[in-house]
Amino acid sequence: MNLNLNRHRHLPPVFYHYFSRPLPYLRALQLQESIHALQLRQRRSSASHDDVLLLLQHTPVYTGGRRQTESETESQRTRLTALGADFVLAQRGGELTYHGPGQIVGYPLLDLGRTSPAIGIREYICRLQRTLSLHLREAHGLSPVESAHTGLFLSEHEKVASIGVQVRHRLTSHGFAMNITHDPCAWFDEIVACGLVDVKAASIENATGKKLDVEGEIPGIVKRFGQVMERQMVPLEVGTGELGELVYALEQDIKSDGRTT
């Protein structure tokens, strides 16, 4: 791994930030769109553009993928919003899933064209999967089983992490989600997540029998993301530069709201 890091020493670092307050899905989506536009504008003007990893928890929300339509999901929307969750159709890959407290959500916004040769979408998804698998093994002694489906499974019928990405102009958005505590599992029981009828949501907390919290997982995820992506990881200076200002604005907006929906 050190040899790989040396080989990619010329690459700029990936800046990362963890939001301590749960974010509504649409606000996080808007931030991703703003960062994507900033990266694209800076790249086209030959200015330096930063890669970033956003880590957070969401307020309860069910999201569909880009292949699903409003008419197809209308009845699901009515039923699930009655439970107290938001419902959003997104432009990521995958089908219906859930995000909420007790789950780490990671949104890497990376330029896949920085390396030579450029990282393809399939390889990028494999690297996300390896990052999460490495974290399960090294931090918790859990060995995910092989599956024909994208994501991480603790057994044939227990899924602990999901991956759904979007790539435009070689710039990534959306990303991964991993269940840390048992809290998300009851919400997942209300749906057929990712279209897998015989699969249930699992959590690291239930699998290990240890009391866990999301914030305690952040350093390990950041470290292993950097290892697998072969990049240096640097904390984002919130409020500094255009990227830091975008993150700061959302932090202040959520703080001033005094609410989590």
Protein backbone atom coordinates (compact mmCIF):
# COMPACT_ATOMS: atom_id res chain seq x y z
CA MET A 1 0.00 0.00 0.00
CA ASN A 2 2.85 2.41 0.70
CA LEU A 3 4.22 1.76 -2.79
CA ASN A 4 0.86 2.74 -4.24
CA LEU A 5 0.79 5.91 -2.16
CA ASN A 6 4.25 6.80 -3.42
CA ARG A 7 3.18 6.18 -6.99
CA HIS A 8 0.27 8.59 -6.56
CA ARG A 9 2.15 11.15 -4.48
CA HIS A 10 1.55 13.72 -7.21
CA LEU A 11 -2.22 13.55 -6.64
CA PRO A 12 -3.76 16.24 -4.42
CA PRO A 13 -5.29 15.18 -1.09
CA VAL A 14 -8.93 14.34 -0.54
CA PHE A 15 -10.51 16.72 1.96
CA TYR A 16 -13.05 15.18 4.34
CA HIS A 17 -15.73 16.54 6.66
CA TYR A 18 -18.14 14.91 9.11
CA PHE A 19 -21.44 16.65 9.89
CA SER A 20 -22.22 16.10 13.56
CA ARG A 21 -25.93 16.92 13.10
CA PRO A 22 -28.17 14.66 10.95
CA LEU A 23 -28.87 16.29 7.58
CA PRO A 24 -32.13 16.23 5.64
CA TYR A 25 -31.52 14.35 2.41
CA LEU A 26 -32.45 17.16 0.03
CA ARG A 27 -30.08 19.61 1.72
CA ALA A 28 -27.21 17.17 1.42
CA LEU A 29 -28.18 16.56 -2.21
CA GLN A 30 -28.13 20.29 -2.88
CA LEU A 31 -24.65 20.52 -1.34
CA GLN A 32 -23.44 17.71 -3.60
CA GLU A 33 -24.82 19.51 -6.63
CA SER A 34 -23.15 22.78 -5.59
CA ILE A 35 -19.79 21.05 -5.11
CA HIS A 36 -20.13 19.22 -8.43
CA ALA A 37 -20.80 22.53 -10.20
CA LEU A 38 -17.82 24.13 -8.44
CA GLN A 39 -15.48 21.27 -9.39
CA LEU A 40 -16.65 21.35 -13.00
CA ARG A 41 -16.31 25.13 -13.29
CA GLN A 42 -12.84 25.17 -11.75
CA ARG A 43 -11.65 22.26 -13.90
CA ARG A 44 -12.88 23.91 -17.10
CA SER A 45 -11.10 27.15 -16.20
CA SER A 46 -7.87 25.22 -15.47
CA ALA A 47 -8.10 26.23 -11.80
CA SER A 48 -7.31 23.83 -8.99
CA HIS A 49 -10.35 21.79 -7.98
CA ASP A 50 -10.58 19.76 -4.78
CA ASP A 51 -11.85 16.25 -4.14
CA VAL A 52 -13.93 15.80 -1.00
CA LEU A 53 -15.45 13.05 1.13
CA LEU A 54 -18.58 14.10 3.02
CA LEU A 55 -19.55 11.87 5.96
CA LEU A 56 -22.85 12.25 7.76
CA GLN A 57 -26.07 10.81 9.09
CA HIS A 58 -29.41 11.64 7.53
CA THR A 59 -32.72 12.38 9.14
CA PRO A 60 -35.08 9.46 8.28
CA VAL A 61 -35.60 9.21 4.53
CA TYR A 62 -36.48 6.60 1.94
CA THR A 63 -34.89 7.13 -1.46
CA GLY A 64 -35.45 5.55 -4.83
CA GLY A 65 -32.98 5.21 -7.71
CA ARG A 66 -32.97 6.83 -11.13
CA ARG A 67 -34.79 3.92 -12.80
CA GLN A 68 -37.86 4.38 -10.59
CA THR A 69 -40.66 6.84 -11.40
CA GLU A 70 -43.13 8.93 -9.41
CA SER A 71 -46.07 6.82 -10.60
CA GLU A 72 -44.35 3.55 -9.68
CA THR A 73 -43.55 4.72 -6.17
CA GLU A 74 -46.68 6.77 -5.37
CA SER A 75 -48.25 4.20 -3.04
CA GLN A 76 -44.91 3.57 -1.32
CA ARG A 77 -44.44 7.30 -0.80
CA THR A 78 -47.82 7.64 0.89
CA ARG A 79 -47.24 4.69 3.20
CA LEU A 80 -43.65 5.50 4.15
CA THR A 81 -44.08 9.21 4.76
CA ALA A 82 -46.89 8.30 7.17
CA LEU A 83 -44.18 6.62 9.27
CA GLY A 84 -42.42 9.95 9.71
CA ALA A 85 -39.76 9.69 7.01
CA ASP A 86 -39.12 11.78 3.92
CA PHE A 87 -39.34 10.19 0.47
CA VAL A 88 -37.09 11.26 -2.41
CA LEU A 89 -36.33 9.92 -5.89
CA ALA A 90 -32.62 10.40 -6.59
CA GLN A 91 -30.33 10.07 -9.61
CA ARG A 92 -28.09 7.40 -8.13
CA GLY A 93 -27.96 3.77 -9.17
CA GLY A 94 -29.94 1.18 -7.23
CA GLU A 95 -33.51 0.90 -5.99
CA LEU A 96 -35.47 1.79 -2.87
CA THR A 97 -33.43 2.11 0.33
CA TYR A 98 -33.40 3.91 3.68
CA HIS A 99 -31.05 6.39 5.34
CA GLY A 100 -31.25 7.65 8.91
CA PRO A 101 -29.60 8.01 12.32
CA GLY A 102 -27.30 5.14 13.28
CA GLN A 103 -26.02 4.80 9.72
CA ILE A 104 -22.84 6.29 8.20
CA VAL A 105 -23.49 7.84 4.81
CA GLY A 106 -20.48 8.72 2.68
CA TYR A 107 -20.58 11.01 -0.33
CA PRO A 108 -17.23 11.02 -2.15
CA LEU A 109 -17.06 13.83 -4.72
CA LEU A 110 -14.00 12.81 -6.70
CA ASP A 111 -12.53 13.45 -10.14
CA LEU A 112 -11.95 9.95 -11.51
CA GLY A 113 -9.84 11.42 -14.31
CA ARG A 114 -7.00 12.50 -12.02
CA THR A 115 -5.15 9.19 -12.35
CA SER A 116 -3.51 7.80 -15.47
CA PRO A 117 -5.23 5.76 -16.62
CA ALA A 118 -8.48 7.19 -15.25
CA ILE A 119 -10.47 5.07 -12.79
CA GLY A 120 -13.55 3.56 -14.44
CA ILE A 121 -16.96 3.43 -12.77
CA ARG A 122 -16.77 -0.31 -12.14
CA GLU A 123 -13.35 0.01 -10.51
CA TYR A 124 -14.56 2.97 -8.45
CA ILE A 125 -17.50 0.97 -7.07
CA CYS A 126 -15.14 -1.94 -6.30
CA ARG A 127 -12.90 0.42 -4.35
CA LEU A 128 -15.82 1.69 -2.29
CA GLN A 129 -16.77 -1.90 -1.55
CA ARG A 130 -13.18 -2.74 -0.55
CA THR A 131 -13.07 0.29 1.76
CA LEU A 132 -16.14 -0.84 3.68
CA SER A 133 -15.03 -4.48 3.71
CA LEU A 134 -11.64 -3.50 5.11
CA HIS A 135 -13.32 -1.47 7.84
CA LEU A 136 -15.54 -4.37 8.86
CA ARG A 137 -12.56 -6.72 9.08
CA GLU A 138 -10.01 -4.46 10.77
CA ALA A 139 -12.24 -2.44 13.09
CA HIS A 140 -14.79 -5.09 14.05
CA GLY A 141 -13.45 -8.53 13.13
CA LEU A 142 -16.37 -9.17 10.76
CA SER A 143 -15.91 -11.02 7.48
CA PRO A 144 -18.43 -10.08 4.78
CA VAL A 145 -19.54 -12.92 2.53
CA GLU A 146 -19.28 -12.86 -1.25
CA SER A 147 -22.43 -11.86 -3.08
CA ALA A 148 -23.55 -11.31 -6.66
CA HIS A 149 -25.13 -8.08 -5.47
CA THR A 150 -23.44 -4.73 -4.87
CA GLY A 151 -22.96 -3.86 -1.21
CA LEU A 152 -21.74 -5.78 1.83
CA PHE A 153 -23.42 -8.85 3.31
CA LEU A 154 -22.72 -10.52 6.65
CA SER A 155 -24.57 -13.60 5.44
CA GLU A 156 -26.57 -14.54 2.38
CA HIS A 157 -29.64 -12.83 3.85
CA GLU A 158 -28.11 -9.99 5.91
CA LYS A 159 -26.98 -6.78 4.23
CA VAL A 160 -24.99 -4.25 6.26
CA ALA A 161 -23.95 -1.70 3.61
CA SER A 162 -25.19 -0.33 0.30
CA ILE A 163 -23.50 1.46 -2.59
CA GLY A 164 -25.18 3.66 -5.20
CA VAL A 165 -23.25 6.22 -7.24
CA GLN A 166 -23.61 8.73 -10.03
CA VAL A 167 -20.77 9.85 -12.31
CA ARG A 168 -21.05 12.91 -14.56
CA HIS A 169 -18.12 14.41 -16.47
CA ARG A 170 -15.88 11.93 -14.54
CA LEU A 171 -17.02 13.59 -11.27
CA THR A 172 -18.68 11.32 -8.69
CA SER A 173 -21.61 11.93 -6.37
CA HIS A 174 -23.82 9.87 -4.02
CA GLY A 175 -21.85 6.96 -2.55
CA PHE A 176 -22.26 4.45 0.28
CA ALA A 177 -24.18 3.79 3.50
CA MET A 178 -23.34 1.37 6.32
CA ASN A 179 -25.50 0.46 9.30
CA ILE A 180 -23.60 1.00 12.53
CA THR A 181 -26.27 0.78 15.26
CA HIS A 182 -29.47 -1.28 15.25
CA ASP A 183 -31.63 1.85 14.81
CA PRO A 184 -31.94 1.72 10.98
CA CYS A 185 -33.06 -1.92 10.92
CA ALA A 186 -36.70 -1.34 11.91
CA TRP A 187 -37.05 1.28 9.16
CA PHE A 188 -35.60 -1.17 6.62
CA ASP A 189 -38.18 -3.76 7.68
CA GLU A 190 -40.85 -1.55 6.08
CA ILE A 191 -39.47 -2.02 2.56
CA VAL A 192 -37.87 -4.49 0.17
CA ALA A 193 -34.52 -2.74 0.18
CA CYS A 194 -32.61 -2.65 -3.12
CA GLY A 195 -35.18 -5.02 -4.61
CA LEU A 196 -33.81 -8.01 -2.65
CA VAL A 197 -36.89 -9.84 -1.36
CA ASP A 198 -35.14 -12.36 0.89
CA VAL A 199 -32.56 -9.96 2.40
CA LYS A 200 -32.84 -8.11 5.73
CA ALA A 201 -30.85 -5.17 7.04
CA ALA A 202 -28.05 -5.98 9.46
CA SER A 203 -25.90 -3.71 11.64
CA ILE A 204 -22.38 -3.85 13.02
CA GLU A 205 -23.76 -3.30 16.52
CA ASN A 206 -25.99 -6.36 16.36
CA ALA A 207 -23.32 -8.49 14.70
CA THR A 208 -20.67 -7.72 17.32
CA GLY A 209 -22.89 -7.32 20.37
CA LYS A 210 -21.04 -4.10 21.22
CA LYS A 211 -22.57 -0.67 21.81
CA LEU A 212 -21.43 1.59 18.99
CA ASP A 213 -21.96 5.11 17.72
CA VAL A 214 -21.47 6.59 14.27
CA GLU A 215 -18.98 9.29 15.23
CA GLY A 216 -16.59 6.68 16.62
CA GLU A 217 -16.41 5.01 13.20
CA ILE A 218 -15.41 8.13 11.27
CA PRO A 219 -11.60 8.01 11.77
CA GLY A 220 -11.44 4.39 10.63
CA ILE A 221 -13.57 5.00 7.54
CA VAL A 222 -11.46 8.02 6.57
CA LYS A 223 -8.21 6.11 7.04
CA ARG A 224 -9.30 3.11 4.99
CA PHE A 225 -10.86 5.26 2.27
CA GLY A 226 -7.49 6.95 1.82
CA GLN A 227 -5.68 3.61 1.75
CA VAL A 228 -7.93 2.06 -0.89
CA MET A 229 -8.18 5.20 -3.02
CA GLU A 230 -4.41 5.72 -2.65
CA ARG A 231 -4.87 9.31 -1.53
CA GLN A 232 -3.85 11.45 1.43
CA MET A 233 -6.83 12.44 3.61
CA VAL A 234 -6.92 15.97 5.05
CA PRO A 235 -9.64 17.56 7.25
CA LEU A 236 -11.55 20.26 5.40
CA GLU A 237 -11.10 23.78 6.76
CA VAL A 238 -14.76 24.73 7.06
CA GLY A 239 -15.36 28.33 6.02
CA THR A 240 -12.11 28.59 4.04
CA GLY A 241 -12.16 28.68 0.23
CA GLU A 242 -15.19 28.10 -1.97
CA LEU A 243 -15.52 24.46 -0.95
CA GLY A 244 -15.19 25.23 2.76
CA GLU A 245 -17.72 28.05 2.43
CA LEU A 246 -20.32 25.74 0.90
CA VAL A 247 -19.97 23.30 3.79
CA TYR A 248 -19.95 26.11 6.36
CA ALA A 249 -23.18 27.57 4.94
CA LEU A 250 -24.99 24.26 5.36
CA GLU A 251 -23.58 23.75 8.87
CA GLN A 252 -24.87 27.19 9.89
CA ASP A 253 -28.20 26.67 8.18
CA ILE A 254 -28.87 23.41 10.06
CA LYS A 255 -27.64 24.91 13.34
CA SER A 256 -29.85 27.99 13.04
CA ASP A 257 -32.86 25.88 12.13
CA GLY A 258 -32.72 24.12 15.47
CA ARG A 259 -34.53 21.20 13.87
CA THR A 260 -33.66 18.02 12.02
CA THR A 261 -36.30 17.82 9.30
